């Protein structure tokens, strides 16, 4: 699950932690939970696509995002158990990624293109650790009955827009989210995820399915990121925070278009396909 380790004397504690059976097991649980979140969001997106009344519901229906997925899981008979397992697993994923940063930051190449690429990779790993940590906290909050407020994103953007230079800041955030989406699309098209999964022991047919599903998952999840980033940037450019509603708002805006149901269905399929990648990585990690 980790990349090749350097000499133990470089960072012995981080090296041992990276290869800890407990941490690797927690990370696998986290990847399975992450896959489950994507499957539930895909299901919510399909419901949004093919049910009448696609505007934001007034009856407290689940938002079409990971927060809504967690809220839906909480309603199941084993909801609290699932959420605490999800919290533990996502925490493990976040710690695992943080350990990777600690393990490799002292072994950067000499100044030059290789060093710049290594620094960018460390930045991505740190960002991923923060995302997993945020999701772990969100899962714990839902387990404790403190789910997120669907209007929180709008209030946050409205507050930031009131700051001096707030409009530029929100536009910058939107651009970053778009860039993340483009990165996902590129990673899927180029199959750059193959160094994260060891499919050497998998039957050729299943290997092909896992490969193509992971490609579709990255590409279409990237498209969803691009939609969210564009809406956030547009909200800032027009001073309309009502449009900065995250993934839920972006998908509802798509669903309201004439062919939105079909577009949303494709996005839902992509989110489900990304779950295949998560499960493959949990079952067949590299290292």
C-alpha atoms as a PDB file:
ATOM      1  CA  UNK A   1       0.000   0.000   0.000  1.00  0.00           C
ATOM      2  CA  UNK A   2       3.025   2.228   0.319  1.00  0.00           C
ATOM      3  CA  UNK A   3       5.787   3.023  -2.105  1.00  0.00           C
ATOM      4  CA  UNK A   4       9.256   1.452  -1.746  1.00  0.00           C
ATOM      5  CA  UNK A   5      10.840   2.474   1.541  1.00  0.00           C
ATOM      6  CA  UNK A   6      14.189   4.155   1.866  1.00  0.00           C
ATOM      7  CA  UNK A   7      16.851   3.187   4.380  1.00  0.00           C
ATOM      8  CA  UNK A   8      15.397   2.686   7.810  1.00  0.00           C
ATOM      9  CA  UNK A   9      17.859   5.122   9.331  1.00  0.00           C
ATOM     10  CA  UNK A  10      16.441   8.025   7.271  1.00  0.00           C
ATOM     11  CA  UNK A  11      13.105   8.002   9.031  1.00  0.00           C
ATOM     12  CA  UNK A  12      12.832   4.834  11.146  1.00  0.00           C
ATOM     13  CA  UNK A  13       9.629   5.756  12.919  1.00  0.00           C
ATOM     14  CA  UNK A  14       7.815   6.788   9.731  1.00  0.00           C
ATOM     15  CA  UNK A  15       9.166   3.687   7.962  1.00  0.00           C
ATOM     16  CA  UNK A  16       7.868   1.364  10.652  1.00  0.00           C
ATOM     17  CA  UNK A  17       4.529   3.172  10.755  1.00  0.00           C
ATOM     18  CA  UNK A  18       4.123   2.917   6.967  1.00  0.00           C
ATOM     19  CA  UNK A  19       4.518  -0.852   7.176  1.00  0.00           C
ATOM     20  CA  UNK A  20       2.484  -1.268  10.356  1.00  0.00           C
ATOM     21  CA  UNK A  21      -0.079  -4.044   9.997  1.00  0.00           C
ATOM     22  CA  UNK A  22      -2.582  -2.068  12.077  1.00  0.00           C
ATOM     23  CA  UNK A  23      -2.216   1.076   9.934  1.00  0.00           C
ATOM     24  CA  UNK A  24      -2.436  -0.871   6.679  1.00  0.00           C
ATOM     25  CA  UNK A  25      -5.561  -2.677   7.922  1.00  0.00           C
ATOM     26  CA  UNK A  26      -7.167   0.628   8.953  1.00  0.00           C
ATOM     27  CA  UNK A  27      -6.328   2.089   5.551  1.00  0.00           C
ATOM     28  CA  UNK A  28      -8.001  -0.859   3.833  1.00  0.00           C
ATOM     29  CA  UNK A  29     -11.121  -0.349   5.950  1.00  0.00           C
ATOM     30  CA  UNK A  30     -11.013   3.311   4.986  1.00  0.00           C
ATOM     31  CA  UNK A  31     -10.786   2.504   1.281  1.00  0.00           C
ATOM     32  CA  UNK A  32     -13.776   0.171   1.552  1.00  0.00           C
ATOM     33  CA  UNK A  33     -15.690   2.905   3.386  1.00  0.00           C
ATOM     34  CA  UNK A  34     -14.646   5.450   0.770  1.00  0.00           C
ATOM     35  CA  UNK A  35     -15.983   3.113  -1.901  1.00  0.00           C
ATOM     36  CA  UNK A  36     -19.257   2.821   0.019  1.00  0.00           C
ATOM     37  CA  UNK A  37     -19.601   6.612   0.154  1.00  0.00           C
ATOM     38  CA  UNK A  38     -19.171   6.851  -3.618  1.00  0.00           C
ATOM     39  CA  UNK A  39     -21.746   4.131  -4.200  1.00  0.00           C
ATOM     40  CA  UNK A  40     -24.300   5.881  -1.985  1.00  0.00           C
ATOM     41  CA  UNK A  41     -23.664   9.248  -3.665  1.00  0.00           C
ATOM     42  CA  UNK A  42     -24.092   7.511  -7.045  1.00  0.00           C
ATOM     43  CA  UNK A  43     -27.430   6.127  -5.852  1.00  0.00           C
ATOM     44  CA  UNK A  44     -28.547   9.562  -4.659  1.00  0.00           C
ATOM     45  CA  UNK A  45     -27.525  11.047  -8.014  1.00  0.00           C
ATOM     46  CA  UNK A  46     -29.608   8.451  -9.875  1.00  0.00           C
ATOM     47  CA  UNK A  47     -32.586   9.239  -7.669  1.00  0.00           C
ATOM     48  CA  UNK A  48     -32.140  12.936  -8.408  1.00  0.00           C
ATOM     49  CA  UNK A  49     -31.843  12.261 -12.138  1.00  0.00           C
ATOM     50  CA  UNK A  50     -34.998  10.210 -12.545  1.00  0.00           C
ATOM     51  CA  UNK A  51     -37.403  11.579  -9.958  1.00  0.00           C
ATOM     52  CA  UNK A  52     -39.691  14.533 -10.530  1.00  0.00           C
ATOM     53  CA  UNK A  53     -38.853  17.805  -8.854  1.00  0.00           C
ATOM     54  CA  UNK A  54     -35.121  18.138  -9.142  1.00  0.00           C
ATOM     55  CA  UNK A  55     -34.751  21.473  -7.369  1.00  0.00           C
ATOM     56  CA  UNK A  56     -33.324  21.562  -3.857  1.00  0.00           C
ATOM     57  CA  UNK A  57     -35.820  19.695  -1.653  1.00  0.00           C
ATOM     58  CA  UNK A  58     -37.548  21.505   1.166  1.00  0.00           C
ATOM     59  CA  UNK A  59     -38.370  18.335   3.104  1.00  0.00           C
ATOM     60  CA  UNK A  60     -34.843  17.663   4.352  1.00  0.00           C
ATOM     61  CA  UNK A  61     -34.036  14.969   1.802  1.00  0.00           C
ATOM     62  CA  UNK A  62     -30.414  13.882   1.697  1.00  0.00           C
ATOM     63  CA  UNK A  63     -28.045  16.115  -0.213  1.00  0.00           C
ATOM     64  CA  UNK A  64     -26.380  14.494  -3.207  1.00  0.00           C
ATOM     65  CA  UNK A  65     -22.872  14.534  -1.771  1.00  0.00           C
ATOM     66  CA  UNK A  66     -20.775  12.683   0.786  1.00  0.00           C
ATOM     67  CA  UNK A  67     -22.525  14.436   3.668  1.00  0.00           C
ATOM     68  CA  UNK A  68     -25.861  13.243   2.314  1.00  0.00           C
ATOM     69  CA  UNK A  69     -24.432   9.747   1.897  1.00  0.00           C
ATOM     70  CA  UNK A  70     -23.356   9.700   5.542  1.00  0.00           C
ATOM     71  CA  UNK A  71     -26.779  10.938   6.636  1.00  0.00           C
ATOM     72  CA  UNK A  72     -28.405   8.134   4.637  1.00  0.00           C
ATOM     73  CA  UNK A  73     -26.077   5.548   6.192  1.00  0.00           C
ATOM     74  CA  UNK A  74     -26.992   6.880   9.637  1.00  0.00           C
ATOM     75  CA  UNK A  75     -30.636   5.982   8.994  1.00  0.00           C
ATOM     76  CA  UNK A  76     -29.847   2.291   8.449  1.00  0.00           C
ATOM     77  CA  UNK A  77     -30.227  -0.231  11.310  1.00  0.00           C
ATOM     78  CA  UNK A  78     -26.434  -0.497  11.627  1.00  0.00           C
ATOM     79  CA  UNK A  79     -25.852   3.172  10.862  1.00  0.00           C
ATOM     80  CA  UNK A  80     -23.874   4.130  14.017  1.00  0.00           C
ATOM     81  CA  UNK A  81     -21.591   1.104  13.645  1.00  0.00           C
ATOM     82  CA  UNK A  82     -20.988   1.860   9.955  1.00  0.00           C
ATOM     83  CA  UNK A  83     -20.213   5.498  10.686  1.00  0.00           C
ATOM     84  CA  UNK A  84     -17.741   4.715  13.466  1.00  0.00           C
ATOM     85  CA  UNK A  85     -16.033   2.120  11.265  1.00  0.00           C
ATOM     86  CA  UNK A  86     -15.941   4.753   8.529  1.00  0.00           C
ATOM     87  CA  UNK A  87     -14.462   7.263  10.968  1.00  0.00           C
ATOM     88  CA  UNK A  88     -11.748   4.824  12.042  1.00  0.00           C
ATOM     89  CA  UNK A  89     -10.959   3.782   8.478  1.00  0.00           C
ATOM     90  CA  UNK A  90     -10.799   7.312   7.080  1.00  0.00           C
ATOM     91  CA  UNK A  91      -8.631   8.355  10.016  1.00  0.00           C
ATOM     92  CA  UNK A  92      -6.328   5.468   9.170  1.00  0.00           C
ATOM     93  CA  UNK A  93      -6.202   6.599   5.546  1.00  0.00           C
ATOM     94  CA  UNK A  94      -5.360  10.142   6.594  1.00  0.00           C
ATOM     95  CA  UNK A  95      -2.599   8.970   8.954  1.00  0.00           C
ATOM     96  CA  UNK A  96      -1.217   6.642   6.270  1.00  0.00           C
ATOM     97  CA  UNK A  97      -0.967   9.514   3.788  1.00  0.00           C
ATOM     98  CA  UNK A  98       0.598  11.779   6.416  1.00  0.00           C
ATOM     99  CA  UNK A  99       3.174   9.097   7.200  1.00  0.00           C
ATOM    100  CA  UNK A 100       4.048   8.917   3.519  1.00  0.00           C
ATOM    101  CA  UNK A 101       4.789  12.656   3.579  1.00  0.00           C
ATOM    102  CA  UNK A 102       6.999  12.264   6.661  1.00  0.00           C
ATOM    103  CA  UNK A 103       8.716   9.242   5.151  1.00  0.00           C
ATOM    104  CA  UNK A 104       9.713  10.890   1.877  1.00  0.00           C
ATOM    105  CA  UNK A 105      10.128  14.620   2.576  1.00  0.00           C
ATOM    106  CA  UNK A 106      13.763  14.173   3.701  1.00  0.00           C
ATOM    107  CA  UNK A 107      14.694  12.184   0.602  1.00  0.00           C
ATOM    108  CA  UNK A 108      13.898  14.737  -2.086  1.00  0.00           C
ATOM    109  CA  UNK A 109      16.076  14.706  -5.214  1.00  0.00           C
ATOM    110  CA  UNK A 110      18.582  17.436  -5.941  1.00  0.00           C
ATOM    111  CA  UNK A 111      17.155  20.778  -7.151  1.00  0.00           C
ATOM    112  CA  UNK A 112      15.741  20.424 -10.639  1.00  0.00           C
ATOM    113  CA  UNK A 113      12.719  18.946 -12.465  1.00  0.00           C
ATOM    114  CA  UNK A 114      12.754  15.728 -10.406  1.00  0.00           C
ATOM    115  CA  UNK A 115      12.694  17.710  -7.175  1.00  0.00           C
ATOM    116  CA  UNK A 116       9.789  19.857  -8.405  1.00  0.00           C
ATOM    117  CA  UNK A 117       7.818  16.737  -9.338  1.00  0.00           C
ATOM    118  CA  UNK A 118       8.576  15.200  -5.935  1.00  0.00           C
ATOM    119  CA  UNK A 119       7.418  18.348  -4.124  1.00  0.00           C
ATOM    120  CA  UNK A 120       4.201  18.400  -6.156  1.00  0.00           C
ATOM    121  CA  UNK A 121       3.617  14.732  -5.294  1.00  0.00           C
ATOM    122  CA  UNK A 122       4.164  15.446  -1.595  1.00  0.00           C
ATOM    123  CA  UNK A 123       1.664  18.312  -1.853  1.00  0.00           C
ATOM    124  CA  UNK A 124      -0.899  15.982  -3.408  1.00  0.00           C
ATOM    125  CA  UNK A 125      -0.318  13.399  -0.686  1.00  0.00           C
ATOM    126  CA  UNK A 126      -0.698  16.008   2.051  1.00  0.00           C
ATOM    127  CA  UNK A 127      -3.884  17.313   0.418  1.00  0.00           C
ATOM    128  CA  UNK A 128      -5.273  13.781   0.249  1.00  0.00           C
ATOM    129  CA  UNK A 129      -4.498  13.274   3.941  1.00  0.00           C
ATOM    130  CA  UNK A 130      -6.425  16.457   4.779  1.00  0.00           C
ATOM    131  CA  UNK A 131      -9.415  15.315   2.690  1.00  0.00           C
ATOM    132  CA  UNK A 132      -9.531  11.960   4.465  1.00  0.00           C
ATOM    133  CA  UNK A 133      -9.217  13.727   7.813  1.00  0.00           C
ATOM    134  CA  UNK A 134     -12.084  16.072   6.966  1.00  0.00           C
ATOM    135  CA  UNK A 135     -14.278  13.128   5.941  1.00  0.00           C
ATOM    136  CA  UNK A 136     -13.374  11.266   9.143  1.00  0.00           C
ATOM    137  CA  UNK A 137     -14.472  14.259  11.237  1.00  0.00           C
ATOM    138  CA  UNK A 138     -17.666  14.538   9.170  1.00  0.00           C
ATOM    139  CA  UNK A 139     -18.464  10.860   9.731  1.00  0.00           C
ATOM    140  CA  UNK A 140     -17.906  11.237  13.480  1.00  0.00           C
ATOM    141  CA  UNK A 141     -20.160  14.296  13.593  1.00  0.00           C
ATOM    142  CA  UNK A 142     -22.952  12.430  11.804  1.00  0.00           C
ATOM    143  CA  UNK A 143     -22.496   9.449  14.136  1.00  0.00           C
ATOM    144  CA  UNK A 144     -22.942  11.838  17.077  1.00  0.00           C
ATOM    145  CA  UNK A 145     -26.072  13.334  15.513  1.00  0.00           C
ATOM    146  CA  UNK A 146     -24.385  16.554  14.434  1.00  0.00           C
ATOM    147  CA  UNK A 147     -24.728  16.380  10.682  1.00  0.00           C
ATOM    148  CA  UNK A 148     -23.747  19.277   8.455  1.00  0.00           C
ATOM    149  CA  UNK A 149     -26.156  22.080   7.582  1.00  0.00           C
ATOM    150  CA  UNK A 150     -27.047  21.989   3.847  1.00  0.00           C
ATOM    151  CA  UNK A 151     -26.911  25.802   3.781  1.00  0.00           C
ATOM    152  CA  UNK A 152     -23.450  25.963   5.356  1.00  0.00           C
ATOM    153  CA  UNK A 153     -21.626  26.239   2.009  1.00  0.00           C
ATOM    154  CA  UNK A 154     -23.755  29.187   0.943  1.00  0.00           C
ATOM    155  CA  UNK A 155     -23.243  30.976   4.249  1.00  0.00           C
ATOM    156  CA  UNK A 156     -19.503  30.340   4.114  1.00  0.00           C
ATOM    157  CA  UNK A 157     -19.169  31.753   0.606  1.00  0.00           C
ATOM    158  CA  UNK A 158     -21.332  34.760   1.514  1.00  0.00           C
ATOM    159  CA  UNK A 159     -19.059  35.439   4.487  1.00  0.00           C
ATOM    160  CA  UNK A 160     -15.853  35.135   2.454  1.00  0.00           C
ATOM    161  CA  UNK A 161     -17.225  37.371  -0.310  1.00  0.00           C
ATOM    162  CA  UNK A 162     -17.701  40.075   2.326  1.00  0.00           C
ATOM    163  CA  UNK A 163     -13.970  40.098   3.074  1.00  0.00           C
ATOM    164  CA  UNK A 164     -11.624  42.543   1.319  1.00  0.00           C
ATOM    165  CA  UNK A 165     -10.434  40.584  -1.693  1.00  0.00           C
ATOM    166  CA  UNK A 166     -12.930  37.844  -0.883  1.00  0.00           C
ATOM    167  CA  UNK A 167     -14.175  37.644  -4.459  1.00  0.00           C
ATOM    168  CA  UNK A 168     -10.666  36.891  -5.736  1.00  0.00           C
ATOM    169  CA  UNK A 169     -10.178  34.289  -3.000  1.00  0.00           C
ATOM    170  CA  UNK A 170     -13.389  32.417  -3.843  1.00  0.00           C
ATOM    171  CA  UNK A 171     -12.585  32.508  -7.564  1.00  0.00           C
ATOM    172  CA  UNK A 172      -9.156  31.073  -6.712  1.00  0.00           C
ATOM    173  CA  UNK A 173     -10.795  28.268  -4.729  1.00  0.00           C
ATOM    174  CA  UNK A 174     -13.044  27.500  -7.692  1.00  0.00           C
ATOM    175  CA  UNK A 175     -10.039  27.423 -10.022  1.00  0.00           C
ATOM    176  CA  UNK A 176      -8.215  25.036  -7.665  1.00  0.00           C
ATOM    177  CA  UNK A 177     -11.223  22.694  -7.601  1.00  0.00           C
ATOM    178  CA  UNK A 178     -11.371  22.785 -11.414  1.00  0.00           C
ATOM    179  CA  UNK A 179      -7.643  21.982 -11.492  1.00  0.00           C
ATOM    180  CA  UNK A 180      -8.228  19.009  -9.186  1.00  0.00           C
ATOM    181  CA  UNK A 181     -10.939  17.826 -11.556  1.00  0.00           C
ATOM    182  CA  UNK A 182      -8.645  18.158 -14.568  1.00  0.00           C
ATOM    183  CA  UNK A 183      -5.983  16.217 -12.655  1.00  0.00           C
ATOM    184  CA  UNK A 184      -8.457  13.385 -12.023  1.00  0.00           C
ATOM    185  CA  UNK A 185      -9.449  13.332 -15.699  1.00  0.00           C
ATOM    186  CA  UNK A 186      -5.800  13.239 -16.760  1.00  0.00           C
ATOM    187  CA  UNK A 187      -4.983  10.529 -14.224  1.00  0.00           C
ATOM    188  CA  UNK A 188      -7.834   8.411 -15.558  1.00  0.00           C
ATOM    189  CA  UNK A 189      -7.048   8.896 -19.231  1.00  0.00           C
ATOM    190  CA  UNK A 190      -3.354   8.132 -18.710  1.00  0.00           C
ATOM    191  CA  UNK A 191      -4.002   5.263 -16.261  1.00  0.00           C
ATOM    192  CA  UNK A 192      -1.602   6.859 -13.787  1.00  0.00           C
ATOM    193  CA  UNK A 193      -3.372   4.980 -10.975  1.00  0.00           C
ATOM    194  CA  UNK A 194      -1.935   1.614 -12.057  1.00  0.00           C
ATOM    195  CA  UNK A 195       1.105   2.086  -9.824  1.00  0.00           C
ATOM    196  CA  UNK A 196      -1.278   2.125  -6.842  1.00  0.00           C
ATOM    197  CA  UNK A 197      -2.858  -1.271  -7.522  1.00  0.00           C
ATOM    198  CA  UNK A 198      -1.107  -4.628  -7.899  1.00  0.00           C
ATOM    199  CA  UNK A 199      -3.212  -6.565 -10.403  1.00  0.00           C
ATOM    200  CA  UNK A 200      -0.498  -9.093 -11.262  1.00  0.00           C
ATOM    201  CA  UNK A 201      -2.323 -11.891  -9.449  1.00  0.00           C
ATOM    202  CA  UNK A 202      -5.761 -11.055 -10.873  1.00  0.00           C
ATOM    203  CA  UNK A 203      -7.302 -12.943 -13.780  1.00  0.00           C
ATOM    204  CA  UNK A 204      -6.864 -11.046 -17.087  1.00  0.00           C
ATOM    205  CA  UNK A 205     -10.596 -10.478 -17.542  1.00  0.00           C
ATOM    206  CA  UNK A 206     -11.021  -9.061 -14.033  1.00  0.00           C
ATOM    207  CA  UNK A 207      -7.842  -7.027 -14.466  1.00  0.00           C
ATOM    208  CA  UNK A 208      -9.315  -5.407 -17.590  1.00  0.00           C
ATOM    209  CA  UNK A 209     -12.609  -4.682 -15.821  1.00  0.00           C
ATOM    210  CA  UNK A 210     -10.835  -3.108 -12.832  1.00  0.00           C
ATOM    211  CA  UNK A 211      -8.609  -1.053 -15.135  1.00  0.00           C
ATOM    212  CA  UNK A 212     -11.413   0.310 -17.323  1.00  0.00           C
ATOM    213  CA  UNK A 213     -13.756   0.923 -14.392  1.00  0.00           C
ATOM    214  CA  UNK A 214     -11.023   2.838 -12.571  1.00  0.00           C
ATOM    215  CA  UNK A 215     -10.361   4.899 -15.693  1.00  0.00           C
ATOM    216  CA  UNK A 216     -14.040   5.814 -15.987  1.00  0.00           C
ATOM    217  CA  UNK A 217     -14.208   6.545 -12.277  1.00  0.00           C
ATOM    218  CA  UNK A 218     -11.332   9.000 -12.310  1.00  0.00           C
ATOM    219  CA  UNK A 219     -12.483  10.735 -15.487  1.00  0.00           C
ATOM    220  CA  UNK A 220     -16.108  11.183 -14.438  1.00  0.00           C
ATOM    221  CA  UNK A 221     -15.285  12.090 -10.856  1.00  0.00           C
ATOM    222  CA  UNK A 222     -12.988  14.708 -12.358  1.00  0.00           C
ATOM    223  CA  UNK A 223     -15.884  16.039 -14.418  1.00  0.00           C
ATOM    224  CA  UNK A 224     -17.917  16.389 -11.207  1.00  0.00           C
ATOM    225  CA  UNK A 225     -15.064  18.375  -9.621  1.00  0.00           C
ATOM    226  CA  UNK A 226     -14.920  20.647 -12.658  1.00  0.00           C
ATOM    227  CA  UNK A 227     -18.664  21.322 -12.377  1.00  0.00           C
ATOM    228  CA  UNK A 228     -18.337  22.207  -8.689  1.00  0.00           C
ATOM    229  CA  UNK A 229     -15.329  24.452  -9.273  1.00  0.00           C
ATOM    230  CA  UNK A 230     -17.037  26.288 -12.117  1.00  0.00           C
ATOM    231  CA  UNK A 231     -20.106  26.947  -9.973  1.00  0.00           C
ATOM    232  CA  UNK A 232     -18.009  28.232  -7.061  1.00  0.00           C
ATOM    233  CA  UNK A 233     -16.030  30.532  -9.375  1.00  0.00           C
ATOM    234  CA  UNK A 234     -19.221  31.743 -11.059  1.00  0.00           C
ATOM    235  CA  UNK A 235     -20.789  32.475  -7.675  1.00  0.00           C
ATOM    236  CA  UNK A 236     -17.827  34.691  -6.838  1.00  0.00           C
ATOM    237  CA  UNK A 237     -17.707  36.388 -10.230  1.00  0.00           C
ATOM    238  CA  UNK A 238     -21.421  37.268 -10.017  1.00  0.00           C
ATOM    239  CA  UNK A 239     -21.532  37.804  -6.222  1.00  0.00           C
ATOM    240  CA  UNK A 240     -24.233  35.120  -6.031  1.00  0.00           C
ATOM    241  CA  UNK A 241     -23.322  32.749  -3.169  1.00  0.00           C
ATOM    242  CA  UNK A 242     -26.576  30.845  -3.714  1.00  0.00           C
ATOM    243  CA  UNK A 243     -24.829  29.103  -6.618  1.00  0.00           C
ATOM    244  CA  UNK A 244     -21.869  27.985  -4.474  1.00  0.00           C
ATOM    245  CA  UNK A 245     -23.548  24.889  -3.094  1.00  0.00           C
ATOM    246  CA  UNK A 246     -20.888  22.238  -3.631  1.00  0.00           C
ATOM    247  CA  UNK A 247     -21.468  18.915  -5.345  1.00  0.00           C
ATOM    248  CA  UNK A 248     -25.158  18.798  -4.396  1.00  0.00           C
ATOM    249  CA  UNK A 249     -25.899  22.163  -5.989  1.00  0.00           C
ATOM    250  CA  UNK A 250     -23.816  21.394  -9.076  1.00  0.00           C
ATOM    251  CA  UNK A 251     -25.624  18.112  -9.721  1.00  0.00           C
ATOM    252  CA  UNK A 252     -29.026  19.704  -9.138  1.00  0.00           C
ATOM    253  CA  UNK A 253     -28.150  22.407 -11.652  1.00  0.00           C
ATOM    254  CA  UNK A 254     -27.186  19.727 -14.178  1.00  0.00           C
ATOM    255  CA  UNK A 255     -30.379  17.766 -13.480  1.00  0.00           C
ATOM    256  CA  UNK A 256     -32.491  20.841 -14.245  1.00  0.00           C
ATOM    257  CA  UNK A 257     -31.154  21.025 -17.814  1.00  0.00           C
ATOM    258  CA  UNK A 258     -33.112  19.434 -20.706  1.00  0.00           C
ATOM    259  CA  UNK A 259     -30.781  16.413 -20.952  1.00  0.00           C
ATOM    260  CA  UNK A 260     -29.569  16.673 -17.388  1.00  0.00           C
ATOM    261  CA  UNK A 261     -30.951  13.318 -16.290  1.00  0.00           C
ATOM    262  CA  UNK A 262     -28.736  11.488 -18.776  1.00  0.00           C
ATOM    263  CA  UNK A 263     -25.674  13.557 -17.890  1.00  0.00           C
ATOM    264  CA  UNK A 264     -26.318  12.921 -14.211  1.00  0.00           C
ATOM    265  CA  UNK A 265     -26.681   9.207 -14.892  1.00  0.00           C
ATOM    266  CA  UNK A 266     -23.248   9.171 -16.537  1.00  0.00           C
ATOM    267  CA  UNK A 267     -21.766  10.979 -13.521  1.00  0.00           C
ATOM    268  CA  UNK A 268     -23.442   8.454 -11.189  1.00  0.00           C
ATOM    269  CA  UNK A 269     -21.961   5.570 -13.178  1.00  0.00           C
ATOM    270  CA  UNK A 270     -18.568   7.247 -12.891  1.00  0.00           C
ATOM    271  CA  UNK A 271     -18.871   7.583  -9.111  1.00  0.00           C
ATOM    272  CA  UNK A 272     -19.804   3.897  -8.867  1.00  0.00           C
ATOM    273  CA  UNK A 273     -16.853   3.028 -11.109  1.00  0.00           C
ATOM    274  CA  UNK A 274     -14.544   4.987  -8.805  1.00  0.00           C
ATOM    275  CA  UNK A 275     -15.734   2.712  -6.001  1.00  0.00           C
ATOM    276  CA  UNK A 276     -14.315  -0.202  -8.021  1.00  0.00           C
ATOM    277  CA  UNK A 277     -10.910   1.498  -7.956  1.00  0.00           C
ATOM    278  CA  UNK A 278     -11.152   1.980  -4.163  1.00  0.00           C
ATOM    279  CA  UNK A 279     -12.062  -1.680  -3.633  1.00  0.00           C
ATOM    280  CA  UNK A 280      -9.307  -2.871  -5.972  1.00  0.00           C
ATOM    281  CA  UNK A 281      -6.762  -0.746  -4.115  1.00  0.00           C
ATOM    282  CA  UNK A 282      -7.985  -2.073  -0.771  1.00  0.00           C
ATOM    283  CA  UNK A 283      -7.768  -5.687  -1.959  1.00  0.00           C
ATOM    284  CA  UNK A 284      -4.611  -5.447  -4.090  1.00  0.00           C
ATOM    285  CA  UNK A 285      -2.422  -2.624  -2.731  1.00  0.00           C
ATOM    286  CA  UNK A 286       1.085  -1.989  -4.005  1.00  0.00           C
ATOM    287  CA  UNK A 287       3.829  -2.719  -1.493  1.00  0.00           C
END
